[in-house]
Amino acid sequence: MVAKRSGVTEPFSREKIIAGVRRACQGRPVDEDALAHLGHQVQEAVRATGCAEIASHEIGLAILGPLRELDEVAYLRFASVYRGFESLEDFEKEIDSLRDAAPPGA
Protein backbone atom coordinates (compact mmCIF):
# COMPACT_ATOMS: atom_id res chain seq x y z
CA MET A 1 0.00 0.00 0.00
CA VAL A 2 1.06 3.57 -0.72
CA ALA A 3 0.51 6.26 1.91
CA LYS A 4 -0.12 9.57 0.19
CA ARG A 5 0.57 13.00 1.69
CA SER A 6 -3.16 13.54 2.16
CA GLY A 7 -3.26 10.54 4.49
CA VAL A 8 -5.11 8.37 1.99
CA THR A 9 -3.69 4.93 1.21
CA GLU A 10 -4.03 3.12 -2.09
CA PRO A 11 -2.59 0.00 -3.68
CA PHE A 12 0.81 0.30 -5.37
CA SER A 13 0.42 0.62 -9.13
CA ARG A 14 3.31 0.09 -11.52
CA GLU A 15 1.07 1.47 -14.27
CA LYS A 16 0.67 4.73 -12.33
CA ILE A 17 4.45 4.99 -11.98
CA ILE A 18 4.92 4.44 -15.71
CA ALA A 19 2.21 6.99 -16.58
CA GLY A 20 3.89 9.66 -14.45
CA VAL A 21 7.29 8.97 -15.91
CA ARG A 22 5.82 8.86 -19.43
CA ARG A 23 4.64 12.47 -18.96
CA ALA A 24 8.17 13.51 -17.98
CA CYS A 25 9.53 11.66 -21.03
CA GLN A 26 7.11 13.24 -23.49
CA GLY A 27 9.00 14.22 -26.64
CA ARG A 28 12.14 12.41 -25.47
CA PRO A 29 13.70 9.35 -27.17
CA VAL A 30 12.44 6.91 -24.52
CA ASP A 31 10.55 3.83 -25.66
CA GLU A 32 7.86 1.82 -23.89
CA ASP A 33 10.28 -1.00 -23.06
CA ALA A 34 12.50 1.43 -21.17
CA LEU A 35 9.47 2.77 -19.28
CA ALA A 36 8.36 -0.77 -18.41
CA HIS A 37 11.87 -1.57 -17.18
CA LEU A 38 11.90 1.55 -15.01
CA GLY A 39 8.50 0.60 -13.59
CA HIS A 40 9.88 -2.84 -12.75
CA GLN A 41 12.96 -1.31 -11.07
CA VAL A 42 10.77 0.92 -8.90
CA GLN A 43 8.47 -1.97 -8.01
CA GLU A 44 11.45 -4.10 -6.99
CA ALA A 45 12.89 -1.25 -4.89
CA VAL A 46 9.55 -0.91 -3.10
CA ARG A 47 9.38 -4.67 -2.52
CA ALA A 48 12.94 -4.71 -1.20
CA THR A 49 11.94 -2.41 1.66
CA GLY A 50 9.87 -5.28 3.08
CA CYS A 51 7.27 -2.79 4.31
CA ALA A 52 3.55 -3.38 3.85
CA GLU A 53 3.03 0.37 3.46
CA ILE A 54 5.36 2.91 1.87
CA ALA A 55 5.13 6.70 1.67
CA SER A 56 4.53 8.15 -1.78
CA HIS A 57 7.60 10.30 -1.15
CA GLU A 58 9.74 7.15 -0.98
CA ILE A 59 8.34 5.98 -4.31
CA GLY A 60 9.31 9.32 -5.84
CA LEU A 61 12.85 8.83 -4.57
CA ALA A 62 12.88 5.33 -6.06
CA ILE A 63 11.91 6.81 -9.44
CA LEU A 64 14.56 9.54 -9.51
CA GLY A 65 17.63 7.29 -9.70
CA PRO A 66 16.57 5.09 -12.62
CA LEU A 67 15.04 8.06 -14.45
CA ARG A 68 18.28 10.02 -14.12
CA GLU A 69 20.08 7.11 -15.80
CA LEU A 70 17.40 6.78 -18.48
CA ASP A 71 17.11 10.40 -19.63
CA GLU A 72 18.51 13.48 -17.93
CA VAL A 73 15.97 15.88 -19.45
CA ALA A 74 13.05 13.71 -18.32
CA TYR A 75 14.73 13.42 -14.92
CA LEU A 76 14.96 17.20 -14.65
CA ARG A 77 11.29 17.57 -15.60
CA PHE A 78 10.20 14.97 -13.05
CA ALA A 79 12.49 16.31 -10.32
CA SER A 80 11.26 19.87 -10.86
CA VAL A 81 7.70 18.81 -10.08
CA TYR A 82 8.53 16.21 -7.45
CA ARG A 83 10.89 18.48 -5.53
CA GLY A 84 8.80 21.59 -6.17
CA PHE A 85 11.37 23.75 -7.92
CA GLU A 86 10.39 27.38 -7.50
CA SER A 87 13.22 29.30 -9.13
CA LEU A 88 15.87 29.20 -11.81
CA GLU A 89 18.41 28.62 -9.06
CA ASP A 90 16.67 25.34 -8.20
CA PHE A 91 17.11 24.22 -11.81
CA GLU A 92 20.70 25.45 -11.91
CA LYS A 93 21.61 23.48 -8.79
CA GLU A 94 20.11 20.31 -10.21
CA ILE A 95 21.80 20.82 -13.59
CA ASP A 96 25.11 21.39 -11.81
CA SER A 97 24.54 18.13 -9.93
CA LEU A 98 23.93 16.31 -13.23
CA ARG A 99 27.09 17.80 -14.72
CA ASP A 100 29.16 16.88 -11.65
CA ALA A 101 27.94 13.27 -11.87
CA ALA A 102 28.55 12.95 -15.60
CA PRO A 103 31.57 10.90 -16.66
CA PRO A 104 34.45 12.94 -18.13
CA GLY A 105 33.98 13.69 -21.80
CA ALA A 106 30.23 13.09 -21.70
PDB file of N, CA and C in Angstrom:
ATOM      1  N   MET A   1       0.837  -1.186   0.000  1.00  0.00           N
ATOM      2  CA  MET A   1       0.000   0.000   0.000  1.00  0.00           C
ATOM      3  C   MET A   1       0.880   1.248   0.000  1.00  0.00           C
ATOM      4  N   VAL A   2       0.354   2.292  -0.619  1.00  0.00           N
ATOM      5  CA  VAL A   2       1.058   3.567  -0.717  1.00  0.00           C
ATOM      6  C   VAL A   2       0.330   4.592   0.152  1.00  0.00           C
ATOM      7  N   ALA A   3       1.072   5.212   1.063  1.00  0.00           N
ATOM      8  CA  ALA A   3       0.514   6.264   1.909  1.00  0.00           C
ATOM      9  C   ALA A   3       0.798   7.606   1.249  1.00  0.00           C
ATOM     10  N   LYS A   4      -0.266   8.284   0.859  1.00  0.00           N
ATOM     11  CA  LYS A   4      -0.117   9.573   0.187  1.00  0.00           C
ATOM     12  C   LYS A   4      -0.034  10.688   1.222  1.00  0.00           C
ATOM     13  N   ARG A   5       0.429  11.850   0.784  1.00  0.00           N
ATOM     14  CA  ARG A   5       0.566  13.002   1.690  1.00  0.00           C
ATOM     15  C   ARG A   5      -0.744  13.387   2.349  1.00  0.00           C
ATOM     16  N   SER A   6      -1.834  13.181   1.638  1.00  0.00           N
ATOM     17  CA  SER A   6      -3.156  13.545   2.157  1.00  0.00           C
ATOM     18  C   SER A   6      -3.610  12.617   3.279  1.00  0.00           C
ATOM     19  N   GLY A   7      -2.869  11.521   3.488  1.00  0.00           N
ATOM     20  CA  GLY A   7      -3.257  10.541   4.490  1.00  0.00           C
ATOM     21  C   GLY A   7      -3.998   9.348   3.913  1.00  0.00           C
ATOM     22  N   VAL A   8      -4.405   9.453   2.673  1.00  0.00           N
ATOM     23  CA  VAL A   8      -5.112   8.372   1.987  1.00  0.00           C
ATOM     24  C   VAL A   8      -4.106   7.282   1.629  1.00  0.00           C
ATOM     25  N   THR A   9      -4.530   6.033   1.675  1.00  0.00           N
ATOM     26  CA  THR A   9      -3.685   4.932   1.205  1.00  0.00           C
ATOM     27  C   THR A   9      -4.358   4.291  -0.007  1.00  0.00           C
ATOM     28  N   GLU A  10      -3.522   3.798  -0.899  1.00  0.00           N
ATOM     29  CA  GLU A  10      -4.029   3.117  -2.088  1.00  0.00           C
ATOM     30  C   GLU A  10      -3.042   2.037  -2.478  1.00  0.00           C
ATOM     31  N   PRO A  11      -3.494   1.065  -3.245  1.00  0.00           N
ATOM     32  CA  PRO A  11      -2.586  -0.001  -3.677  1.00  0.00           C
ATOM     33  C   PRO A  11      -1.473   0.551  -4.572  1.00  0.00           C
ATOM     34  N   PHE A  12      -0.295  -0.066  -4.484  1.00  0.00           N
ATOM     35  CA  PHE A  12       0.805   0.301  -5.370  1.00  0.00           C
ATOM     36  C   PHE A  12       0.402  -0.038  -6.794  1.00  0.00           C
ATOM     37  N   SER A  13       0.744   0.855  -7.729  1.00  0.00           N
ATOM     38  CA  SER A  13       0.419   0.625  -9.135  1.00  0.00           C
ATOM     39  C   SER A  13       1.629   0.932 -10.003  1.00  0.00           C
ATOM     40  N   ARG A  14       2.196  -0.111 -10.590  1.00  0.00           N
ATOM     41  CA  ARG A  14       3.306   0.087 -11.517  1.00  0.00           C
ATOM     42  C   ARG A  14       2.847   0.925 -12.708  1.00  0.00           C
ATOM     43  N   GLU A  15       1.601   0.723 -13.134  1.00  0.00           N
ATOM     44  CA  GLU A  15       1.070   1.473 -14.269  1.00  0.00           C
ATOM     45  C   GLU A  15       1.021   2.976 -13.960  1.00  0.00           C
ATOM     46  N   LYS A  16       0.704   3.317 -12.714  1.00  0.00           N
ATOM     47  CA  LYS A  16       0.665   4.726 -12.329  1.00  0.00           C
ATOM     48  C   LYS A  16       2.072   5.330 -12.351  1.00  0.00           C
ATOM     49  N   ILE A  17       3.057   4.556 -11.937  1.00  0.00           N
ATOM     50  CA  ILE A  17       4.448   4.994 -11.977  1.00  0.00           C
ATOM     51  C   ILE A  17       4.843   5.263 -13.428  1.00  0.00           C
ATOM     52  N   ILE A  18       4.561   4.312 -14.293  1.00  0.00           N
ATOM     53  CA  ILE A  18       4.924   4.440 -15.709  1.00  0.00           C
ATOM     54  C   ILE A  18       4.226   5.641 -16.336  1.00  0.00           C
ATOM     55  N   ALA A  19       2.952   5.862 -16.007  1.00  0.00           N
ATOM     56  CA  ALA A  19       2.212   6.992 -16.576  1.00  0.00           C
ATOM     57  C   ALA A  19       2.843   8.321 -16.161  1.00  0.00           C
ATOM     58  N   GLY A  20       3.257   8.435 -14.913  1.00  0.00           N
ATOM     59  CA  GLY A  20       3.892   9.659 -14.445  1.00  0.00           C
ATOM     60  C   GLY A  20       5.226   9.900 -15.118  1.00  0.00           C
ATOM     61  N   VAL A  21       5.994   8.843 -15.265  1.00  0.00           N
ATOM     62  CA  VAL A  21       7.294   8.972 -15.915  1.00  0.00           C
ATOM     63  C   VAL A  21       7.107   9.230 -17.412  1.00  0.00           C
ATOM     64  N   ARG A  22       6.094   8.636 -17.995  1.00  0.00           N
ATOM     65  CA  ARG A  22       5.820   8.860 -19.428  1.00  0.00           C
ATOM     66  C   ARG A  22       5.583  10.351 -19.693  1.00  0.00           C
ATOM     67  N   ARG A  23       4.872  11.028 -18.784  1.00  0.00           N
ATOM     68  CA  ARG A  23       4.645  12.474 -18.958  1.00  0.00           C
ATOM     69  C   ARG A  23       5.977  13.229 -18.947  1.00  0.00           C
ATOM     70  N   ALA A  24       6.865  12.855 -18.043  1.00  0.00           N
ATOM     71  CA  ALA A  24       8.171  13.515 -17.978  1.00  0.00           C
ATOM     72  C   ALA A  24       9.000  13.225 -19.224  1.00  0.00           C
ATOM     73  N   CYS A  25       8.762  12.079 -19.857  1.00  0.00           N
ATOM     74  CA  CYS A  25       9.528  11.661 -21.034  1.00  0.00           C
ATOM     75  C   CYS A  25       8.903  12.120 -22.346  1.00  0.00           C
ATOM     76  N   GLN A  26       7.798  12.825 -22.277  1.00  0.00           N
ATOM     77  CA  GLN A  26       7.113  13.243 -23.494  1.00  0.00           C
ATOM     78  C   GLN A  26       8.063  14.022 -24.405  1.00  0.00           C
ATOM     79  N   GLY A  27       8.139  13.583 -25.657  1.00  0.00           N
ATOM     80  CA  GLY A  27       9.004  14.222 -26.637  1.00  0.00           C
ATOM     81  C   GLY A  27      10.463  13.801 -26.542  1.00  0.00           C
ATOM     82  N   ARG A  28      10.773  12.893 -25.650  1.00  0.00           N
ATOM     83  CA  ARG A  28      12.138  12.408 -25.470  1.00  0.00           C
ATOM     84  C   ARG A  28      12.285  11.040 -26.144  1.00  0.00           C
ATOM     85  N   PRO A  29      13.502  10.642 -26.500  1.00  0.00           N
ATOM     86  CA  PRO A  29      13.699   9.347 -27.171  1.00  0.00           C
ATOM     87  C   PRO A  29      13.708   8.184 -26.167  1.00  0.00           C
ATOM     88  N   VAL A  30      12.580   7.983 -25.511  1.00  0.00           N
ATOM     89  CA  VAL A  30      12.437   6.912 -24.521  1.00  0.00           C
ATOM     90  C   VAL A  30      11.296   6.013 -24.980  1.00  0.00           C
ATOM     91  N   ASP A  31      11.586   4.733 -25.164  1.00  0.00           N
ATOM     92  CA  ASP A  31      10.548   3.830 -25.660  1.00  0.00           C
ATOM     93  C   ASP A  31       9.795   3.148 -24.510  1.00  0.00           C
ATOM     94  N   GLU A  32       8.734   2.478 -24.880  1.00  0.00           N
ATOM     95  CA  GLU A  32       7.864   1.819 -23.889  1.00  0.00           C
ATOM     96  C   GLU A  32       8.591   0.724 -23.114  1.00  0.00           C
ATOM     97  N   ASP A  33       9.517   0.031 -23.767  1.00  0.00           N
ATOM     98  CA  ASP A  33      10.279  -1.002 -23.064  1.00  0.00           C
ATOM     99  C   ASP A  33      11.107  -0.403 -21.935  1.00  0.00           C
ATOM    100  N   ALA A  34      11.698   0.757 -22.196  1.00  0.00           N
ATOM    101  CA  ALA A  34      12.497   1.429 -21.168  1.00  0.00           C
ATOM    102  C   ALA A  34      11.607   1.882 -20.016  1.00  0.00           C
ATOM    103  N   LEU A  35      10.404   2.364 -20.328  1.00  0.00           N
ATOM    104  CA  LEU A  35       9.468   2.766 -19.280  1.00  0.00           C
ATOM    105  C   LEU A  35       9.028   1.559 -18.453  1.00  0.00           C
ATOM    106  N   ALA A  36       8.764   0.452 -19.123  1.00  0.00           N
ATOM    107  CA  ALA A  36       8.363  -0.769 -18.415  1.00  0.00           C
ATOM    108  C   ALA A  36       9.487  -1.249 -17.505  1.00  0.00           C
ATOM    109  N   HIS A  37      10.716  -1.161 -17.988  1.00  0.00           N
ATOM    110  CA  HIS A  37      11.867  -1.572 -17.176  1.00  0.00           C
ATOM    111  C   HIS A  37      12.003  -0.670 -15.950  1.00  0.00           C
ATOM    112  N   LEU A  38      11.839   0.631 -16.138  1.00  0.00           N
ATOM    113  CA  LEU A  38      11.903   1.549 -15.012  1.00  0.00           C
ATOM    114  C   LEU A  38      10.804   1.235 -13.999  1.00  0.00           C
ATOM    115  N   GLY A  39       9.603   0.973 -14.487  1.00  0.00           N
ATOM    116  CA  GLY A  39       8.500   0.601 -13.592  1.00  0.00           C
ATOM    117  C   GLY A  39       8.831  -0.640 -12.788  1.00  0.00           C
ATOM    118  N   HIS A  40       9.468  -1.612 -13.437  1.00  0.00           N
ATOM    119  CA  HIS A  40       9.878  -2.842 -12.753  1.00  0.00           C
ATOM    120  C   HIS A  40      10.937  -2.539 -11.690  1.00  0.00           C
ATOM    121  N   GLN A  41      11.910  -1.683 -12.030  1.00  0.00           N
ATOM    122  CA  GLN A  41      12.956  -1.313 -11.073  1.00  0.00           C
ATOM    123  C   GLN A  41      12.356  -0.667  -9.824  1.00  0.00           C
ATOM    124  N   VAL A  42      11.402   0.237 -10.035  1.00  0.00           N
ATOM    125  CA  VAL A  42      10.770   0.917  -8.905  1.00  0.00           C
ATOM    126  C   VAL A  42       9.974  -0.084  -8.062  1.00  0.00           C
ATOM    127  N   GLN A  43       9.244  -0.962  -8.724  1.00  0.00           N
ATOM    128  CA  GLN A  43       8.467  -1.967  -8.007  1.00  0.00           C
ATOM    129  C   GLN A  43       9.382  -2.860  -7.171  1.00  0.00           C
ATOM    130  N   GLU A  44      10.505  -3.262  -7.725  1.00  0.00           N
ATOM    131  CA  GLU A  44      11.455  -4.100  -6.988  1.00  0.00           C
ATOM    132  C   GLU A  44      12.066  -3.339  -5.808  1.00  0.00           C
ATOM    133  N   ALA A  45      12.342  -2.054  -5.987  1.00  0.00           N
ATOM    134  CA  ALA A  45      12.885  -1.245  -4.891  1.00  0.00           C
ATOM    135  C   ALA A  45      11.876  -1.135  -3.755  1.00  0.00           C
ATOM    136  N   VAL A  46      10.614  -0.992  -4.111  1.00  0.00           N
ATOM    137  CA  VAL A  46       9.554  -0.914  -3.102  1.00  0.00           C
ATOM    138  C   VAL A  46       9.434  -2.254  -2.373  1.00  0.00           C
ATOM    139  N   ARG A  47       9.447  -3.337  -3.128  1.00  0.00           N
ATOM    140  CA  ARG A  47       9.380  -4.674  -2.521  1.00  0.00           C
ATOM    141  C   ARG A  47      10.553  -4.924  -1.580  1.00  0.00           C
ATOM    142  N   ALA A  48      11.725  -4.466  -1.975  1.00  0.00           N
ATOM    143  CA  ALA A  48      12.939  -4.709  -1.203  1.00  0.00           C
ATOM    144  C   ALA A  48      12.895  -4.052   0.174  1.00  0.00           C
ATOM    145  N   THR A  49      12.041  -3.040   0.343  1.00  0.00           N
ATOM    146  CA  THR A  49      11.936  -2.411   1.664  1.00  0.00           C
ATOM    147  C   THR A  49      11.325  -3.370   2.667  1.00  0.00           C
ATOM    148  N   GLY A  50      10.510  -4.315   2.190  1.00  0.00           N
ATOM    149  CA  GLY A  50       9.871  -5.276   3.079  1.00  0.00           C
ATOM    150  C   GLY A  50       8.714  -4.695   3.865  1.00  0.00           C
ATOM    151  N   CYS A  51       8.354  -3.454   3.581  1.00  0.00           N
ATOM    152  CA  CYS A  51       7.270  -2.787   4.308  1.00  0.00           C
ATOM    153  C   CYS A  51       5.936  -3.039   3.605  1.00  0.00           C
ATOM    154  N   ALA A  52       4.888  -3.199   4.406  1.00  0.00           N
ATOM    155  CA  ALA A  52       3.554  -3.383   3.846  1.00  0.00           C
ATOM    156  C   ALA A  52       2.991  -2.069   3.321  1.00  0.00           C
ATOM    157  N   GLU A  53       3.494  -0.955   3.882  1.00  0.00           N
ATOM    158  CA  GLU A  53       3.034   0.365   3.458  1.00  0.00           C
ATOM    159  C   GLU A  53       4.248   1.259   3.257  1.00  0.00           C
ATOM    160  N   ILE A  54       4.231   2.030   2.183  1.00  0.00           N
ATOM    161  CA  ILE A  54       5.359   2.914   1.874  1.00  0.00           C
ATOM    162  C   ILE A  54       4.816   4.300   1.537  1.00  0.00           C
ATOM    163  N   ALA A  55       5.539   5.324   1.949  1.00  0.00           N
ATOM    164  CA  ALA A  55       5.128   6.699   1.666  1.00  0.00           C
ATOM    165  C   ALA A  55       5.329   7.004   0.192  1.00  0.00           C
ATOM    166  N   SER A  56       4.418   7.780  -0.373  1.00  0.00           N
ATOM    167  CA  SER A  56       4.529   8.149  -1.781  1.00  0.00           C
ATOM    168  C   SER A  56       5.847   8.885  -2.035  1.00  0.00           C
ATOM    169  N   HIS A  57       6.321   9.608  -1.032  1.00  0.00           N
ATOM    170  CA  HIS A  57       7.605  10.305  -1.149  1.00  0.00           C
ATOM    171  C   HIS A  57       8.739   9.315  -1.430  1.00  0.00           C
ATOM    172  N   GLU A  58       8.711   8.173  -0.779  1.00  0.00           N
ATOM    173  CA  GLU A  58       9.739   7.145  -0.984  1.00  0.00           C
ATOM    174  C   GLU A  58       9.671   6.576  -2.398  1.00  0.00           C
ATOM    175  N   ILE A  59       8.484   6.475  -2.938  1.00  0.00           N
ATOM    176  CA  ILE A  59       8.338   5.983  -4.308  1.00  0.00           C
ATOM    177  C   ILE A  59       8.943   7.001  -5.272  1.00  0.00           C
ATOM    178  N   GLY A  60       8.704   8.280  -5.010  1.00  0.00           N
ATOM    179  CA  GLY A  60       9.306   9.322  -5.841  1.00  0.00           C
ATOM    180  C   GLY A  60      10.818   9.233  -5.837  1.00  0.00           C
ATOM    181  N   LEU A  61      11.390   8.995  -4.661  1.00  0.00           N
ATOM    182  CA  LEU A  61      12.847   8.832  -4.571  1.00  0.00           C
ATOM    183  C   LEU A  61      13.316   7.617  -5.353  1.00  0.00           C
ATOM    184  N   ALA A  62      12.523   6.548  -5.323  1.00  0.00           N
ATOM    185  CA  ALA A  62      12.876   5.328  -6.057  1.00  0.00           C
ATOM    186  C   ALA A  62      12.813   5.542  -7.569  1.00  0.00           C
ATOM    187  N   ILE A  63      12.019   6.503  -8.006  1.00  0.00           N
ATOM    188  CA  ILE A  63      11.910   6.814  -9.438  1.00  0.00           C
ATOM    189  C   ILE A  63      13.101   7.640  -9.905  1.00  0.00           C
ATOM    190  N   LEU A  64      13.546   8.573  -9.088  1.00  0.00           N
ATOM    191  CA  LEU A  64      14.559   9.540  -9.513  1.00  0.00           C
ATOM    192  C   LEU A  64      15.853   8.899 -10.007  1.00  0.00           C
ATOM    193  N   GLY A  65      16.368   7.914  -9.301  1.00  0.00           N
ATOM    194  CA  GLY A  65      17.632   7.288  -9.700  1.00  0.00           C
ATOM    195  C   GLY A  65      17.574   6.655 -11.078  1.00  0.00           C
ATOM    196  N   PRO A  66      16.654   5.713 -11.297  1.00  0.00           N
ATOM    197  CA  PRO A  66      16.572   5.089 -12.622  1.00  0.00           C
ATOM    198  C   PRO A  66      16.231   6.082 -13.738  1.00  0.00           C
ATOM    199  N   LEU A  67      15.407   7.084 -13.423  1.00  0.00           N
ATOM    200  CA  LEU A  67      15.044   8.061 -14.446  1.00  0.00           C
ATOM    201  C   LEU A  67      16.240   8.925 -14.822  1.00  0.00           C
ATOM    202  N   ARG A  68      17.065   9.236 -13.851  1.00  0.00           N
ATOM    203  CA  ARG A  68      18.279  10.017 -14.120  1.00  0.00           C
ATOM    204  C   ARG A  68      19.189   9.268 -15.092  1.00  0.00           C
ATOM    205  N   GLU A  69      19.274   7.948 -14.903  1.00  0.00           N
ATOM    206  CA  GLU A  69      20.081   7.113 -15.803  1.00  0.00           C
ATOM    207  C   GLU A  69      19.445   6.985 -17.185  1.00  0.00           C
ATOM    208  N   LEU A  70      18.124   6.973 -17.230  1.00  0.00           N
ATOM    209  CA  LEU A  70      17.401   6.777 -18.484  1.00  0.00           C
ATOM    210  C   LEU A  70      17.466   8.016 -19.380  1.00  0.00           C
ATOM    211  N   ASP A  71      17.159   9.189 -18.820  1.00  0.00           N
ATOM    212  CA  ASP A  71      17.109  10.401 -19.629  1.00  0.00           C
ATOM    213  C   ASP A  71      17.197  11.606 -18.702  1.00  0.00           C
ATOM    214  N   GLU A  72      18.275  12.369 -18.838  1.00  0.00           N
ATOM    215  CA  GLU A  72      18.513  13.485 -17.926  1.00  0.00           C
ATOM    216  C   GLU A  72      17.477  14.595 -18.065  1.00  0.00           C
ATOM    217  N   VAL A  73      16.976  14.838 -19.258  1.00  0.00           N
ATOM    218  CA  VAL A  73      15.966  15.883 -19.445  1.00  0.00           C
ATOM    219  C   VAL A  73      14.663  15.459 -18.776  1.00  0.00           C
ATOM    220  N   ALA A  74      14.255  14.213 -18.975  1.00  0.00           N
ATOM    221  CA  ALA A  74      13.048  13.712 -18.317  1.00  0.00           C
ATOM    222  C   ALA A  74      13.225  13.725 -16.798  1.00  0.00           C
ATOM    223  N   TYR A  75      14.428  13.370 -16.352  1.00  0.00           N
ATOM    224  CA  TYR A  75      14.727  13.418 -14.918  1.00  0.00           C
ATOM    225  C   TYR A  75      14.537  14.832 -14.386  1.00  0.00           C
ATOM    226  N   LEU A  76      15.061  15.809 -15.096  1.00  0.00           N
ATOM    227  CA  LEU A  76      14.962  17.198 -14.652  1.00  0.00           C
ATOM    228  C   LEU A  76      13.495  17.643 -14.607  1.00  0.00           C
ATOM    229  N   ARG A  77      12.726  17.243 -15.595  1.00  0.00           N
ATOM    230  CA  ARG A  77      11.289  17.569 -15.597  1.00  0.00           C
ATOM    231  C   ARG A  77      10.602  16.960 -14.381  1.00  0.00           C
ATOM    232  N   PHE A  78      10.839  15.677 -14.154  1.00  0.00           N
ATOM    233  CA  PHE A  78      10.204  14.973 -13.045  1.00  0.00           C
ATOM    234  C   PHE A  78      10.647  15.566 -11.711  1.00  0.00           C
ATOM    235  N   ALA A  79      11.947  15.778 -11.572  1.00  0.00           N
ATOM    236  CA  ALA A  79      12.492  16.311 -10.320  1.00  0.00           C
ATOM    237  C   ALA A  79      11.945  17.703 -10.035  1.00  0.00           C
ATOM    238  N   SER A  80      11.752  18.505 -11.075  1.00  0.00           N
ATOM    239  CA  SER A  80      11.264  19.867 -10.861  1.00  0.00           C
ATOM    240  C   SER A  80       9.863  19.867 -10.253  1.00  0.00           C
ATOM    241  N   VAL A  81       9.042  18.923 -10.646  1.00  0.00           N
ATOM    242  CA  VAL A  81       7.696  18.813 -10.083  1.00  0.00           C
ATOM    243  C   VAL A  81       7.755  18.117  -8.728  1.00  0.00           C
ATOM    244  N   TYR A  82       8.455  17.003  -8.673  1.00  0.00           N
ATOM    245  CA  TYR A  82       8.526  16.205  -7.452  1.00  0.00           C
ATOM    246  C   TYR A  82       9.138  16.987  -6.288  1.00  0.00           C
ATOM    247  N   ARG A  83      10.202  17.713  -6.575  1.00  0.00           N
ATOM    248  CA  ARG A  83      10.886  18.477  -5.531  1.00  0.00           C
ATOM    249  C   ARG A  83      10.376  19.909  -5.414  1.00  0.00           C
ATOM    250  N   GLY A  84       9.426  20.275  -6.264  1.00  0.00           N
ATOM    251  CA  GLY A  84       8.798  21.591  -6.170  1.00  0.00           C
ATOM    252  C   GLY A  84       9.731  22.755  -6.454  1.00  0.00           C
ATOM    253  N   PHE A  85      10.485  22.655  -7.554  1.00  0.00           N
ATOM    254  CA  PHE A  85      11.371  23.754  -7.921  1.00  0.00           C
ATOM    255  C   PHE A  85      10.548  25.034  -8.035  1.00  0.00           C
ATOM    256  N   GLU A  86      11.104  26.119  -7.486  1.00  0.00           N
ATOM    257  CA  GLU A  86      10.394  27.384  -7.503  1.00  0.00           C
ATOM    258  C   GLU A  86      11.176  28.515  -8.168  1.00  0.00           C
ATOM    259  N   SER A  87      12.409  28.241  -8.547  1.00  0.00           N
ATOM    260  CA  SER A  87      13.220  29.304  -9.129  1.00  0.00           C
ATOM    261  C   SER A  87      14.217  28.725 -10.128  1.00  0.00           C
ATOM    262  N   LEU A  88      14.814  29.617 -10.892  1.00  0.00           N
ATOM    263  CA  LEU A  88      15.866  29.197 -11.811  1.00  0.00           C
ATOM    264  C   LEU A  88      17.042  28.611 -11.046  1.00  0.00           C
ATOM    265  N   GLU A  89      17.298  29.132  -9.869  1.00  0.00           N
ATOM    266  CA  GLU A  89      18.406  28.625  -9.057  1.00  0.00           C
ATOM    267  C   GLU A  89      18.204  27.148  -8.710  1.00  0.00           C
ATOM    268  N   ASP A  90      16.945  26.753  -8.479  1.00  0.00           N
ATOM    269  CA  ASP A  90      16.671  25.337  -8.199  1.00  0.00           C
ATOM    270  C   ASP A  90      17.072  24.477  -9.397  1.00  0.00           C
ATOM    271  N   PHE A  91      16.731  24.946 -10.596  1.00  0.00           N
ATOM    272  CA  PHE A  91      17.108  24.218 -11.807  1.00  0.00           C
ATOM    273  C   PHE A  91      18.631  24.213 -11.985  1.00  0.00           C
ATOM    274  N   GLU A  92      19.248  25.354 -11.757  1.00  0.00           N
ATOM    275  CA  GLU A  92      20.700  25.452 -11.906  1.00  0.00           C
ATOM    276  C   GLU A  92      21.425  24.490 -10.978  1.00  0.00           C
ATOM    277  N   LYS A  93      20.977  24.399  -9.747  1.00  0.00           N
ATOM    278  CA  LYS A  93      21.612  23.482  -8.786  1.00  0.00           C
ATOM    279  C   LYS A  93      21.497  22.043  -9.263  1.00  0.00           C
ATOM    280  N   GLU A  94      20.313  21.686  -9.759  1.00  0.00           N
ATOM    281  CA  GLU A  94      20.114  20.309 -10.214  1.00  0.00           C
ATOM    282  C   GLU A  94      20.920  20.035 -11.471  1.00  0.00           C
ATOM    283  N   ILE A  95      20.993  20.989 -12.372  1.00  0.00           N
ATOM    284  CA  ILE A  95      21.798  20.824 -13.586  1.00  0.00           C
ATOM    285  C   ILE A  95      23.272  20.696 -13.214  1.00  0.00           C
ATOM    286  N   ASP A  96      23.724  21.509 -12.274  1.00  0.00           N
ATOM    287  CA  ASP A  96      25.108  21.395 -11.807  1.00  0.00           C
ATOM    288  C   ASP A  96      25.374  20.006 -11.227  1.00  0.00           C
ATOM    289  N   SER A  97      24.411  19.486 -10.494  1.00  0.00           N
ATOM    290  CA  SER A  97      24.543  18.133  -9.928  1.00  0.00           C
ATOM    291  C   SER A  97      24.647  17.093 -11.035  1.00  0.00           C
ATOM    292  N   LEU A  98      23.852  17.240 -12.090  1.00  0.00           N
ATOM    293  CA  LEU A  98      23.925  16.312 -13.228  1.00  0.00           C
ATOM    294  C   LEU A  98      25.280  16.408 -13.907  1.00  0.00           C
ATOM    295  N   ARG A  99      25.780  17.621 -14.072  1.00  0.00           N
ATOM    296  CA  ARG A  99      27.089  17.797 -14.717  1.00  0.00           C
ATOM    297  C   ARG A  99      28.198  17.197 -13.862  1.00  0.00           C
ATOM    298  N   ASP A 100      28.121  17.408 -12.554  1.00  0.00           N
ATOM    299  CA  ASP A 100      29.160  16.880 -11.649  1.00  0.00           C
ATOM    300  C   ASP A 100      29.192  15.342 -11.663  1.00  0.00           C
ATOM    301  N   ALA A 101      28.031  14.734 -11.877  1.00  0.00           N
ATOM    302  CA  ALA A 101      27.941  13.271 -11.865  1.00  0.00           C
ATOM    303  C   ALA A 101      28.251  12.648 -13.222  1.00  0.00           C
ATOM    304  N   ALA A 102      28.293  13.482 -14.260  1.00  0.00           N
ATOM    305  CA  ALA A 102      28.554  12.953 -15.604  1.00  0.00           C
ATOM    306  C   ALA A 102      29.991  12.482 -15.737  1.00  0.00           C
ATOM    307  N   PRO A 103      30.198  11.370 -16.438  1.00  0.00           N
ATOM    308  CA  PRO A 103      31.570  10.903 -16.657  1.00  0.00           C
ATOM    309  C   PRO A 103      32.352  11.919 -17.504  1.00  0.00           C
ATOM    310  N   PRO A 104      33.635  11.999 -17.330  1.00  0.00           N
ATOM    311  CA  PRO A 104      34.450  12.939 -18.127  1.00  0.00           C
ATOM    312  C   PRO A 104      34.255  12.695 -19.623  1.00  0.00           C
ATOM    313  N   GLY A 105      34.131  13.784 -20.353  1.00  0.00           N
ATOM    314  CA  GLY A 105      33.975  13.691 -21.805  1.00  0.00           C
ATOM    315  C   GLY A 105      32.555  13.452 -22.260  1.00  0.00           C
ATOM    316  N   ALA A 106      31.628  13.349 -21.315  1.00  0.00           N
ATOM    317  CA  ALA A 106      30.226  13.088 -21.700  1.00  0.00           C
ATOM    318  C   ALA A 106      29.506  14.368 -22.032  1.00  0.00           C
TER     319      ALA A 106
END
